[in-house]
Amino acid sequence: MTDNAAKLVEIYTDGACSGNPGPGGYGSLLRYGDVTKEIAGCATDTTNNRMEMTAVIEALRQLKRPCRVTVYTDSKYVMQGMTEWVSGWIRRNWINSQKKSVVNRDLWEK
């Protein structure tokens, strides 16, 4: 595969914390063909949603060149945020449908 458009990286992510907020961690597995890479990290005072998002962000940071990416997550928050909500938040200057500031804006902007 020499064409960047043909390169597909699959990213599997998960995040969790003990208590919400509380200490938490995340893990991601990146797969390109037969090559895999695992990454993980933690935070002492965080939320489940922040760890779910961090798993995706840190996995995407591992990519070194343009490619197609498929992200697998069990987080409805991350999935809907990426595919449905973020464009509206940006249009409304980071205000959600309840007229409040978007939670975790710092991570959504990353």
PDB file of N, CA and C in Angstrom:
ATOM      1  N   MET A   1       0.838  -1.186   0.000  1.00  0.00           N
ATOM      2  CA  MET A   1       0.000   0.000   0.000  1.00  0.00           C
ATOM      3  C   MET A   1       0.877   1.241   0.000  1.00  0.00           C
ATOM      4  N   THR A   2       1.021   1.855  -1.121  1.00  0.00           N
ATOM      5  CA  THR A   2       1.841   3.053  -1.183  1.00  0.00           C
ATOM      6  C   THR A   2       1.006   4.326  -1.202  1.00  0.00           C
ATOM      7  N   ASP A   3      -0.264   4.241  -1.554  1.00  0.00           N
ATOM      8  CA  ASP A   3      -1.150   5.395  -1.609  1.00  0.00           C
ATOM      9  C   ASP A   3      -1.706   5.694  -0.216  1.00  0.00           C
ATOM     10  N   ASN A   4      -1.523   6.946   0.250  1.00  0.00           N
ATOM     11  CA  ASN A   4      -2.028   7.321   1.582  1.00  0.00           C
ATOM     12  C   ASN A   4      -3.519   7.076   1.725  1.00  0.00           C
ATOM     13  N   ALA A   5      -4.281   7.269   0.641  1.00  0.00           N
ATOM     14  CA  ALA A   5      -5.725   7.070   0.716  1.00  0.00           C
ATOM     15  C   ALA A   5      -6.069   5.616   1.010  1.00  0.00           C
ATOM     16  N   ALA A   6      -5.184   4.693   0.663  1.00  0.00           N
ATOM     17  CA  ALA A   6      -5.452   3.270   0.876  1.00  0.00           C
ATOM     18  C   ALA A   6      -5.046   2.818   2.270  1.00  0.00           C
ATOM     19  N   LYS A   7      -4.279   3.603   2.985  1.00  0.00           N
ATOM     20  CA  LYS A   7      -3.818   3.211   4.315  1.00  0.00           C
ATOM     21  C   LYS A   7      -4.935   3.401   5.331  1.00  0.00           C
ATOM     22  N   LEU A   8      -5.294   2.304   5.989  1.00  0.00           N
ATOM     23  CA  LEU A   8      -6.340   2.355   7.003  1.00  0.00           C
ATOM     24  C   LEU A   8      -5.757   1.926   8.338  1.00  0.00           C
ATOM     25  N   VAL A   9      -5.887   2.797   9.320  1.00  0.00           N
ATOM     26  CA  VAL A   9      -5.483   2.486  10.684  1.00  0.00           C
ATOM     27  C   VAL A   9      -6.750   2.299  11.496  1.00  0.00           C
ATOM     28  N   GLU A  10      -6.839   1.170  12.187  1.00  0.00           N
ATOM     29  CA  GLU A  10      -7.956   0.920  13.082  1.00  0.00           C
ATOM     30  C   GLU A  10      -7.501   1.245  14.495  1.00  0.00           C
ATOM     31  N   ILE A  11      -8.338   1.983  15.222  1.00  0.00           N
ATOM     32  CA  ILE A  11      -8.017   2.386  16.586  1.00  0.00           C
ATOM     33  C   ILE A  11      -9.141   1.913  17.498  1.00  0.00           C
ATOM     34  N   TYR A  12      -8.765   1.124  18.500  1.00  0.00           N
ATOM     35  CA  TYR A  12      -9.701   0.623  19.506  1.00  0.00           C
ATOM     36  C   TYR A  12      -9.375   1.326  20.820  1.00  0.00           C
ATOM     37  N   THR A  13     -10.388   1.931  21.446  1.00  0.00           N
ATOM     38  CA  THR A  13     -10.131   2.751  22.625  1.00  0.00           C
ATOM     39  C   THR A  13     -11.044   2.388  23.784  1.00  0.00           C
ATOM     40  N   ASP A  14     -10.562   2.694  24.989  1.00  0.00           N
ATOM     41  CA  ASP A  14     -11.404   2.581  26.181  1.00  0.00           C
ATOM     42  C   ASP A  14     -10.822   3.467  27.275  1.00  0.00           C
ATOM     43  N   GLY A  15     -11.684   3.939  28.127  1.00  0.00           N
ATOM     44  CA  GLY A  15     -11.268   4.740  29.266  1.00  0.00           C
ATOM     45  C   GLY A  15     -12.219   4.500  30.421  1.00  0.00           C
ATOM     46  N   ALA A  16     -11.741   4.718  31.623  1.00  0.00           N
ATOM     47  CA  ALA A  16     -12.585   4.503  32.806  1.00  0.00           C
ATOM     48  C   ALA A  16     -11.983   5.234  33.986  1.00  0.00           C
ATOM     49  N   CYS A  17     -12.769   5.365  35.038  1.00  0.00           N
ATOM     50  CA  CYS A  17     -12.225   5.877  36.284  1.00  0.00           C
ATOM     51  C   CYS A  17     -12.953   5.230  37.449  1.00  0.00           C
ATOM     52  N   SER A  18     -12.294   5.273  38.595  1.00  0.00           N
ATOM     53  CA  SER A  18     -12.843   4.706  39.818  1.00  0.00           C
ATOM     54  C   SER A  18     -13.447   5.854  40.606  1.00  0.00           C
ATOM     55  N   GLY A  19     -14.764   5.908  40.627  1.00  0.00           N
ATOM     56  CA  GLY A  19     -15.439   7.108  41.092  1.00  0.00           C
ATOM     57  C   GLY A  19     -15.553   8.025  39.893  1.00  0.00           C
ATOM     58  N   ASN A  20     -16.418   8.994  39.960  1.00  0.00           N
ATOM     59  CA  ASN A  20     -16.574   9.886  38.807  1.00  0.00           C
ATOM     60  C   ASN A  20     -16.925  11.276  39.315  1.00  0.00           C
ATOM     61  N   PRO A  21     -15.934  12.110  39.654  1.00  0.00           N
ATOM     62  CA  PRO A  21     -14.507  11.978  39.303  1.00  0.00           C
ATOM     63  C   PRO A  21     -13.739  11.082  40.272  1.00  0.00           C
ATOM     64  N   GLY A  22     -12.546  10.755  39.826  1.00  0.00           N
ATOM     65  CA  GLY A  22     -11.649   9.924  40.613  1.00  0.00           C
ATOM     66  C   GLY A  22     -10.426   9.572  39.780  1.00  0.00           C
ATOM     67  N   PRO A  23      -9.598   8.665  40.265  1.00  0.00           N
ATOM     68  CA  PRO A  23      -8.444   8.233  39.477  1.00  0.00           C
ATOM     69  C   PRO A  23      -8.924   7.425  38.273  1.00  0.00           C
ATOM     70  N   GLY A  24      -8.268   7.623  37.138  1.00  0.00           N
ATOM     71  CA  GLY A  24      -8.714   6.935  35.932  1.00  0.00           C
ATOM     72  C   GLY A  24      -7.583   6.591  35.000  1.00  0.00           C
ATOM     73  N   GLY A  25      -7.932   5.874  33.966  1.00  0.00           N
ATOM     74  CA  GLY A  25      -6.945   5.478  32.979  1.00  0.00           C
ATOM     75  C   GLY A  25      -7.586   5.241  31.634  1.00  0.00           C
ATOM     76  N   TYR A  26      -6.738   5.108  30.635  1.00  0.00           N
ATOM     77  CA  TYR A  26      -7.205   4.849  29.275  1.00  0.00           C
ATOM     78  C   TYR A  26      -6.233   3.903  28.592  1.00  0.00           C
ATOM     79  N   GLY A  27      -6.717   3.280  27.552  1.00  0.00           N
ATOM     80  CA  GLY A  27      -5.877   2.437  26.715  1.00  0.00           C
ATOM     81  C   GLY A  27      -6.372   2.483  25.294  1.00  0.00           C
ATOM     82  N   SER A  28      -5.446   2.338  24.361  1.00  0.00           N
ATOM     83  CA  SER A  28      -5.793   2.311  22.944  1.00  0.00           C
ATOM     84  C   SER A  28      -4.907   1.300  22.243  1.00  0.00           C
ATOM     85  N   LEU A  29      -5.480   0.664  21.259  1.00  0.00           N
ATOM     86  CA  LEU A  29      -4.730  -0.230  20.398  1.00  0.00           C
ATOM     87  C   LEU A  29      -4.872   0.293  18.977  1.00  0.00           C
ATOM     88  N   LEU A  30      -3.739   0.507  18.322  1.00  0.00           N
ATOM     89  CA  LEU A  30      -3.731   0.944  16.936  1.00  0.00           C
ATOM     90  C   LEU A  30      -3.292  -0.228  16.079  1.00  0.00           C
ATOM     91  N   ARG A  31      -3.995  -0.435  14.969  1.00  0.00           N
ATOM     92  CA  ARG A  31      -3.632  -1.546  14.095  1.00  0.00           C
ATOM     93  C   ARG A  31      -3.584  -1.062  12.651  1.00  0.00           C
ATOM     94  N   TYR A  32      -2.459  -1.348  11.997  1.00  0.00           N
ATOM     95  CA  TYR A  32      -2.287  -1.084  10.570  1.00  0.00           C
ATOM     96  C   TYR A  32      -1.762  -2.370   9.954  1.00  0.00           C
ATOM     97  N   GLY A  33      -2.628  -3.082   9.248  1.00  0.00           N
ATOM     98  CA  GLY A  33      -2.228  -4.376   8.708  1.00  0.00           C
ATOM     99  C   GLY A  33      -1.858  -5.318   9.842  1.00  0.00           C
ATOM    100  N   ASP A  34      -0.637  -5.851   9.782  1.00  0.00           N
ATOM    101  CA  ASP A  34      -0.154  -6.770  10.816  1.00  0.00           C
ATOM    102  C   ASP A  34       0.558  -6.059  11.962  1.00  0.00           C
ATOM    103  N   VAL A  35       0.665  -4.746  11.886  1.00  0.00           N
ATOM    104  CA  VAL A  35       1.389  -3.977  12.899  1.00  0.00           C
ATOM    105  C   VAL A  35       0.398  -3.441  13.937  1.00  0.00           C
ATOM    106  N   THR A  36       0.709  -3.652  15.205  1.00  0.00           N
ATOM    107  CA  THR A  36      -0.122  -3.099  16.275  1.00  0.00           C
ATOM    108  C   THR A  36       0.744  -2.315  17.248  1.00  0.00           C
ATOM    109  N   LYS A  37       0.117  -1.348  17.872  1.00  0.00           N
ATOM    110  CA  LYS A  37       0.778  -0.555  18.907  1.00  0.00           C
ATOM    111  C   LYS A  37      -0.242  -0.322  20.007  1.00  0.00           C
ATOM    112  N   GLU A  38       0.187  -0.494  21.249  1.00  0.00           N
ATOM    113  CA  GLU A  38      -0.677  -0.243  22.394  1.00  0.00           C
ATOM    114  C   GLU A  38      -0.157   0.960  23.160  1.00  0.00           C
ATOM    115  N   ILE A  39      -1.074   1.809  23.602  1.00  0.00           N
ATOM    116  CA  ILE A  39      -0.699   2.941  24.448  1.00  0.00           C
ATOM    117  C   ILE A  39      -1.656   2.976  25.635  1.00  0.00           C
ATOM    118  N   ALA A  40      -1.213   3.567  26.717  1.00  0.00           N
ATOM    119  CA  ALA A  40      -2.042   3.679  27.914  1.00  0.00           C
ATOM    120  C   ALA A  40      -1.556   4.857  28.738  1.00  0.00           C
ATOM    121  N   GLY A  41      -2.426   5.344  29.605  1.00  0.00           N
ATOM    122  CA  GLY A  41      -2.063   6.429  30.491  1.00  0.00           C
ATOM    123  C   GLY A  41      -3.071   6.548  31.613  1.00  0.00           C
ATOM    124  N   CYS A  42      -2.812   7.484  32.511  1.00  0.00           N
ATOM    125  CA  CYS A  42      -3.695   7.636  33.664  1.00  0.00           C
ATOM    126  C   CYS A  42      -3.728   9.086  34.128  1.00  0.00           C
ATOM    127  N   ALA A  43      -4.678   9.362  35.003  1.00  0.00           N
ATOM    128  CA  ALA A  43      -4.807  10.672  35.639  1.00  0.00           C
ATOM    129  C   ALA A  43      -5.309  10.441  37.058  1.00  0.00           C
ATOM    130  N   THR A  44      -4.854  11.255  37.978  1.00  0.00           N
ATOM    131  CA  THR A  44      -5.222  11.054  39.380  1.00  0.00           C
ATOM    132  C   THR A  44      -6.622  11.555  39.713  1.00  0.00           C
ATOM    133  N   ASP A  45      -7.108  12.577  39.021  1.00  0.00           N
ATOM    134  CA  ASP A  45      -8.421  13.145  39.306  1.00  0.00           C
ATOM    135  C   ASP A  45      -9.074  13.498  37.983  1.00  0.00           C
ATOM    136  N   THR A  46      -9.968  12.641  37.523  1.00  0.00           N
ATOM    137  CA  THR A  46     -10.535  12.804  36.193  1.00  0.00           C
ATOM    138  C   THR A  46     -11.954  12.262  36.170  1.00  0.00           C
ATOM    139  N   THR A  47     -12.554  12.235  34.996  1.00  0.00           N
ATOM    140  CA  THR A  47     -13.879  11.640  34.824  1.00  0.00           C
ATOM    141  C   THR A  47     -13.803  10.545  33.771  1.00  0.00           C
ATOM    142  N   ASN A  48     -14.810   9.710  33.750  1.00  0.00           N
ATOM    143  CA  ASN A  48     -14.878   8.652  32.767  1.00  0.00           C
ATOM    144  C   ASN A  48     -14.862   9.229  31.347  1.00  0.00           C
ATOM    145  N   ASN A  49     -15.666  10.264  31.104  1.00  0.00           N
ATOM    146  CA  ASN A  49     -15.711  10.849  29.763  1.00  0.00           C
ATOM    147  C   ASN A  49     -14.366  11.413  29.336  1.00  0.00           C
ATOM    148  N   ARG A  50     -13.637  12.035  30.250  1.00  0.00           N
ATOM    149  CA  ARG A  50     -12.320  12.574  29.898  1.00  0.00           C
ATOM    150  C   ARG A  50     -11.351  11.446  29.531  1.00  0.00           C
ATOM    151  N   MET A  51     -11.426  10.327  30.227  1.00  0.00           N
ATOM    152  CA  MET A  51     -10.541   9.208  29.902  1.00  0.00           C
ATOM    153  C   MET A  51     -10.926   8.576  28.560  1.00  0.00           C
ATOM    154  N   GLU A  52     -12.223   8.467  28.290  1.00  0.00           N
ATOM    155  CA  GLU A  52     -12.671   7.948  26.992  1.00  0.00           C
ATOM    156  C   GLU A  52     -12.153   8.845  25.862  1.00  0.00           C
ATOM    157  N   MET A  53     -12.266  10.148  26.034  1.00  0.00           N
ATOM    158  CA  MET A  53     -11.803  11.090  25.017  1.00  0.00           C
ATOM    159  C   MET A  53     -10.284  11.066  24.882  1.00  0.00           C
ATOM    160  N   THR A  54      -9.582  11.003  26.008  1.00  0.00           N
ATOM    161  CA  THR A  54      -8.126  10.993  25.987  1.00  0.00           C
ATOM    162  C   THR A  54      -7.599   9.767  25.249  1.00  0.00           C
ATOM    163  N   ALA A  55      -8.284   8.644  25.378  1.00  0.00           N
ATOM    164  CA  ALA A  55      -7.870   7.436  24.662  1.00  0.00           C
ATOM    165  C   ALA A  55      -7.848   7.680  23.151  1.00  0.00           C
ATOM    166  N   VAL A  56      -8.857   8.362  22.641  1.00  0.00           N
ATOM    167  CA  VAL A  56      -8.926   8.660  21.208  1.00  0.00           C
ATOM    168  C   VAL A  56      -7.874   9.693  20.825  1.00  0.00           C
ATOM    169  N   ILE A  57      -7.785  10.762  21.596  1.00  0.00           N
ATOM    170  CA  ILE A  57      -6.838  11.840  21.292  1.00  0.00           C
ATOM    171  C   ILE A  57      -5.405  11.318  21.252  1.00  0.00           C
ATOM    172  N   GLU A  58      -5.023  10.576  22.275  1.00  0.00           N
ATOM    173  CA  GLU A  58      -3.644  10.086  22.338  1.00  0.00           C
ATOM    174  C   GLU A  58      -3.357   9.065  21.235  1.00  0.00           C
ATOM    175  N   ALA A  59      -4.352   8.284  20.856  1.00  0.00           N
ATOM    176  CA  ALA A  59      -4.163   7.355  19.745  1.00  0.00           C
ATOM    177  C   ALA A  59      -3.943   8.121  18.446  1.00  0.00           C
ATOM    178  N   LEU A  60      -4.736   9.135  18.202  1.00  0.00           N
ATOM    179  CA  LEU A  60      -4.572   9.930  16.981  1.00  0.00           C
ATOM    180  C   LEU A  60      -3.224  10.638  16.945  1.00  0.00           C
ATOM    181  N   ARG A  61      -2.708  11.014  18.095  1.00  0.00           N
ATOM    182  CA  ARG A  61      -1.389  11.649  18.154  1.00  0.00           C
ATOM    183  C   ARG A  61      -0.264  10.710  17.730  1.00  0.00           C
ATOM    184  N   GLN A  62      -0.505   9.423  17.751  1.00  0.00           N
ATOM    185  CA  GLN A  62       0.516   8.447  17.359  1.00  0.00           C
ATOM    186  C   GLN A  62       0.721   8.393  15.845  1.00  0.00           C
ATOM    187  N   LEU A  63      -0.244   8.887  15.084  1.00  0.00           N
ATOM    188  CA  LEU A  63      -0.177   8.800  13.631  1.00  0.00           C
ATOM    189  C   LEU A  63       0.890   9.751  13.093  1.00  0.00           C
ATOM    190  N   LYS A  64       1.697   9.244  12.193  1.00  0.00           N
ATOM    191  CA  LYS A  64       2.843  10.014  11.692  1.00  0.00           C
ATOM    192  C   LYS A  64       2.637  10.566  10.294  1.00  0.00           C
ATOM    193  N   ARG A  65       1.651  10.057   9.559  1.00  0.00           N
ATOM    194  CA  ARG A  65       1.400  10.533   8.194  1.00  0.00           C
ATOM    195  C   ARG A  65      -0.091  10.429   7.907  1.00  0.00           C
ATOM    196  N   PRO A  66      -0.548  11.120   6.865  1.00  0.00           N
ATOM    197  CA  PRO A  66      -1.977  11.066   6.531  1.00  0.00           C
ATOM    198  C   PRO A  66      -2.434   9.636   6.241  1.00  0.00           C
ATOM    199  N   CYS A  67      -3.615   9.306   6.727  1.00  0.00           N
ATOM    200  CA  CYS A  67      -4.180   7.978   6.494  1.00  0.00           C
ATOM    201  C   CYS A  67      -5.670   8.025   6.811  1.00  0.00           C
ATOM    202  N   ARG A  68      -6.368   6.990   6.419  1.00  0.00           N
ATOM    203  CA  ARG A  68      -7.760   6.835   6.826  1.00  0.00           C
ATOM    204  C   ARG A  68      -7.759   6.192   8.200  1.00  0.00           C
ATOM    205  N   VAL A  69      -8.720   6.572   9.035  1.00  0.00           N
ATOM    206  CA  VAL A  69      -8.776   6.051  10.398  1.00  0.00           C
ATOM    207  C   VAL A  69     -10.206   5.616  10.709  1.00  0.00           C
ATOM    208  N   THR A  70     -10.328   4.453  11.322  1.00  0.00           N
ATOM    209  CA  THR A  70     -11.594   4.016  11.890  1.00  0.00           C
ATOM    210  C   THR A  70     -11.389   3.889  13.390  1.00  0.00           C
ATOM    211  N   VAL A  71     -12.210   4.609  14.156  1.00  0.00           N
ATOM    212  CA  VAL A  71     -12.126   4.581  15.611  1.00  0.00           C
ATOM    213  C   VAL A  71     -13.264   3.719  16.143  1.00  0.00           C
ATOM    214  N   TYR A  72     -12.912   2.778  17.005  1.00  0.00           N
ATOM    215  CA  TYR A  72     -13.895   1.943  17.691  1.00  0.00           C
ATOM    216  C   TYR A  72     -13.913   2.356  19.159  1.00  0.00           C
ATOM    217  N   THR A  73     -15.103   2.701  19.655  1.00  0.00           N
ATOM    218  CA  THR A  73     -15.253   3.112  21.049  1.00  0.00           C
ATOM    219  C   THR A  73     -16.569   2.567  21.581  1.00  0.00           C
ATOM    220  N   ASP A  74     -16.613   2.285  22.865  1.00  0.00           N
ATOM    221  CA  ASP A  74     -17.876   1.886  23.485  1.00  0.00           C
ATOM    222  C   ASP A  74     -18.550   3.086  24.156  1.00  0.00           C
ATOM    223  N   SER A  75     -17.983   4.269  23.956  1.00  0.00           N
ATOM    224  CA  SER A  75     -18.496   5.478  24.588  1.00  0.00           C
ATOM    225  C   SER A  75     -19.471   6.203  23.667  1.00  0.00           C
ATOM    226  N   LYS A  76     -20.734   6.215  24.067  1.00  0.00           N
ATOM    227  CA  LYS A  76     -21.748   6.956  23.315  1.00  0.00           C
ATOM    228  C   LYS A  76     -21.405   8.449  23.300  1.00  0.00           C
ATOM    229  N   TYR A  77     -20.876   8.945  24.402  1.00  0.00           N
ATOM    230  CA  TYR A  77     -20.470  10.353  24.516  1.00  0.00           C
ATOM    231  C   TYR A  77     -19.436  10.707  23.456  1.00  0.00           C
ATOM    232  N   VAL A  78     -18.402   9.899  23.329  1.00  0.00           N
ATOM    233  CA  VAL A  78     -17.358  10.165  22.337  1.00  0.00           C
ATOM    234  C   VAL A  78     -17.914  10.011  20.927  1.00  0.00           C
ATOM    235  N   MET A  79     -18.649   8.938  20.684  1.00  0.00           N
ATOM    236  CA  MET A  79     -19.165   8.675  19.344  1.00  0.00           C
ATOM    237  C   MET A  79     -20.094   9.789  18.873  1.00  0.00           C
ATOM    238  N   GLN A  80     -21.076  10.131  19.694  1.00  0.00           N
ATOM    239  CA  GLN A  80     -22.010  11.178  19.287  1.00  0.00           C
ATOM    240  C   GLN A  80     -21.339  12.549  19.253  1.00  0.00           C
ATOM    241  N   GLY A  81     -20.429  12.780  20.176  1.00  0.00           N
ATOM    242  CA  GLY A  81     -19.713  14.053  20.168  1.00  0.00           C
ATOM    243  C   GLY A  81     -18.955  14.257  18.867  1.00  0.00           C
ATOM    244  N   MET A  82     -18.247  13.206  18.407  1.00  0.00           N
ATOM    245  CA  MET A  82     -17.440  13.310  17.178  1.00  0.00           C
ATOM    246  C   MET A  82     -18.299  13.385  15.924  1.00  0.00           C
ATOM    247  N   THR A  83     -19.408  12.649  15.900  1.00  0.00           N
ATOM    248  CA  THR A  83     -20.161  12.512  14.657  1.00  0.00           C
ATOM    249  C   THR A  83     -21.395  13.402  14.561  1.00  0.00           C
ATOM    250  N   GLU A  84     -21.915  13.858  15.701  1.00  0.00           N
ATOM    251  CA  GLU A  84     -23.168  14.620  15.671  1.00  0.00           C
ATOM    252  C   GLU A  84     -23.079  16.003  16.304  1.00  0.00           C
ATOM    253  N   TRP A  85     -22.463  16.096  17.475  1.00  0.00           N
ATOM    254  CA  TRP A  85     -22.592  17.304  18.272  1.00  0.00           C
ATOM    255  C   TRP A  85     -21.568  18.390  17.998  1.00  0.00           C
ATOM    256  N   VAL A  86     -20.334  18.024  17.699  1.00  0.00           N
ATOM    257  CA  VAL A  86     -19.245  19.009  17.681  1.00  0.00           C
ATOM    258  C   VAL A  86     -19.474  20.118  16.656  1.00  0.00           C
ATOM    259  N   SER A  87     -20.016  19.809  15.504  1.00  0.00           N
ATOM    260  CA  SER A  87     -20.224  20.867  14.503  1.00  0.00           C
ATOM    261  C   SER A  87     -21.207  21.922  15.017  1.00  0.00           C
ATOM    262  N   GLY A  88     -22.254  21.499  15.727  1.00  0.00           N
ATOM    263  CA  GLY A  88     -23.201  22.454  16.313  1.00  0.00           C
ATOM    264  C   GLY A  88     -22.578  23.272  17.425  1.00  0.00           C
ATOM    265  N   TRP A  89     -21.749  22.616  18.247  1.00  0.00           N
ATOM    266  CA  TRP A  89     -21.074  23.345  19.323  1.00  0.00           C
ATOM    267  C   TRP A  89     -20.195  24.449  18.754  1.00  0.00           C
ATOM    268  N   ILE A  90     -19.473  24.130  17.711  1.00  0.00           N
ATOM    269  CA  ILE A  90     -18.594  25.129  17.094  1.00  0.00           C
ATOM    270  C   ILE A  90     -19.431  26.270  16.525  1.00  0.00           C
ATOM    271  N   ARG A  91     -20.511  25.926  15.819  1.00  0.00           N
ATOM    272  CA  ARG A  91     -21.392  26.945  15.247  1.00  0.00           C
ATOM    273  C   ARG A  91     -21.966  27.858  16.324  1.00  0.00           C
ATOM    274  N   ARG A  92     -22.262  27.282  17.498  1.00  0.00           N
ATOM    275  CA  ARG A  92     -22.858  28.060  18.596  1.00  0.00           C
ATOM    276  C   ARG A  92     -21.807  28.562  19.586  1.00  0.00           C
ATOM    277  N   ASN A  93     -20.556  28.632  19.165  1.00  0.00           N
ATOM    278  CA  ASN A  93     -19.470  29.127  20.009  1.00  0.00           C
ATOM    279  C   ASN A  93     -19.354  28.328  21.309  1.00  0.00           C
ATOM    280  N   TRP A  94     -19.385  26.998  21.193  1.00  0.00           N
ATOM    281  CA  TRP A  94     -19.173  26.069  22.304  1.00  0.00           C
ATOM    282  C   TRP A  94     -20.257  26.162  23.381  1.00  0.00           C
ATOM    283  N   ILE A  95     -21.495  26.383  22.918  1.00  0.00           N
ATOM    284  CA  ILE A  95     -22.657  26.351  23.791  1.00  0.00           C
ATOM    285  C   ILE A  95     -23.487  25.140  23.368  1.00  0.00           C
ATOM    286  N   ASN A  96     -23.911  24.324  24.339  1.00  0.00           N
ATOM    287  CA  ASN A  96     -24.662  23.108  24.002  1.00  0.00           C
ATOM    288  C   ASN A  96     -26.153  23.409  23.833  1.00  0.00           C
ATOM    289  N   SER A  97     -26.928  22.379  23.575  1.00  0.00           N
ATOM    290  CA  SER A  97     -28.360  22.560  23.324  1.00  0.00           C
ATOM    291  C   SER A  97     -29.118  23.035  24.557  1.00  0.00           C
ATOM    292  N   GLN A  98     -28.529  22.883  25.748  1.00  0.00           N
ATOM    293  CA  GLN A  98     -29.151  23.385  26.980  1.00  0.00           C
ATOM    294  C   GLN A  98     -28.698  24.807  27.305  1.00  0.00           C
ATOM    295  N   LYS A  99     -28.025  25.436  26.336  1.00  0.00           N
ATOM    296  CA  LYS A  99     -27.553  26.829  26.498  1.00  0.00           C
ATOM    297  C   LYS A  99     -26.467  26.969  27.553  1.00  0.00           C
ATOM    298  N   LYS A 100     -25.704  25.893  27.768  1.00  0.00           N
ATOM    299  CA  LYS A 100     -24.606  25.904  28.729  1.00  0.00           C
ATOM    300  C   LYS A 100     -23.292  25.667  27.993  1.00  0.00           C
ATOM    301  N   SER A 101     -22.187  26.041  28.630  1.00  0.00           N
ATOM    302  CA  SER A 101     -20.873  25.789  28.041  1.00  0.00           C
ATOM    303  C   SER A 101     -20.643  24.287  27.892  1.00  0.00           C
ATOM    304  N   VAL A 102     -20.028  23.911  26.782  1.00  0.00           N
ATOM    305  CA  VAL A 102     -19.745  22.502  26.512  1.00  0.00           C
ATOM    306  C   VAL A 102     -18.721  21.989  27.517  1.00  0.00           C
ATOM    307  N   VAL A 103     -19.045  20.876  28.158  1.00  0.00           N
ATOM    308  CA  VAL A 103     -18.134  20.225  29.094  1.00  0.00           C
ATOM    309  C   VAL A 103     -17.005  19.572  28.299  1.00  0.00           C
ATOM    310  N   ASN A 104     -15.805  19.639  28.817  1.00  0.00           N
ATOM    311  CA  ASN A 104     -14.613  19.048  28.192  1.00  0.00           C
ATOM    312  C   ASN A 104     -14.235  19.734  26.880  1.00  0.00           C
ATOM    313  N   ARG A 105     -14.561  21.003  26.748  1.00  0.00           N
ATOM    314  CA  ARG A 105     -14.231  21.745  25.525  1.00  0.00           C
ATOM    315  C   ARG A 105     -12.762  21.633  25.181  1.00  0.00           C
ATOM    316  N   ASP A 106     -11.894  21.687  26.201  1.00  0.00           N
ATOM    317  CA  ASP A 106     -10.451  21.603  25.940  1.00  0.00           C
ATOM    318  C   ASP A 106     -10.092  20.336  25.169  1.00  0.00           C
ATOM    319  N   LEU A 107     -10.734  19.235  25.498  1.00  0.00           N
ATOM    320  CA  LEU A 107     -10.445  17.980  24.799  1.00  0.00           C
ATOM    321  C   LEU A 107     -11.137  17.935  23.438  1.00  0.00           C
ATOM    322  N   TRP A 108     -12.348  18.422  23.329  1.00  0.00           N
ATOM    323  CA  TRP A 108     -13.030  18.438  22.028  1.00  0.00           C
ATOM    324  C   TRP A 108     -12.240  19.270  21.029  1.00  0.00           C
ATOM    325  N   GLU A 109     -11.651  20.354  21.479  1.00  0.00           N
ATOM    326  CA  GLU A 109     -10.860  21.182  20.556  1.00  0.00           C
ATOM    327  C   GLU A 109      -9.588  20.483  20.107  1.00  0.00           C
ATOM    328  N   LYS A 110      -9.044  19.616  20.945  1.00  0.00           N
ATOM    329  CA  LYS A 110      -7.852  18.844  20.540  1.00  0.00           C
ATOM    330  C   LYS A 110      -8.229  17.902  19.415  1.00  0.00           C
TER     331      LYS A 110
END
